[in-house]
Amino acid sequence: MHKIHPDTLAVTGPAYNPANVNRDFKALLERAGLRKLRFHDLRHSCASLLLDQGVDLVVIKELLGHAHISITADTYAHVRLRLQRDAIERMGDALDDPEP
């Protein structure tokens, strides 16, 4: 039986069969009344949230295990475009603000 340790959130127990992960995740979503989502989609959500929080693309690349930064950059270009627009708006606000 698997156990999640509350202090570290580490999961201990026997190796988890990937098919079981997907099945258990689907059941968890159904019990919670949430829309269908692939377990793998959590990886993309995590990367997008990290980018939104300003985490460097190189760090995200390493966390995801991508061999090349271009894979990460290309995959999350939509998030980067939104962040670029936000940065431009912030620059405009800073230039419009008479107070430093």
Foldseek 3Di string as FASTA:
>chain_A
DWDQDVVPRDIDDDDDDPVVVQVVVQVVCVVVVHDDDGPVVVLVVVLLVCVVVVNDLVVNCVVVVPPDSVVSCVVCVVSVVVVVVVVVVVVVVVVVDPPD
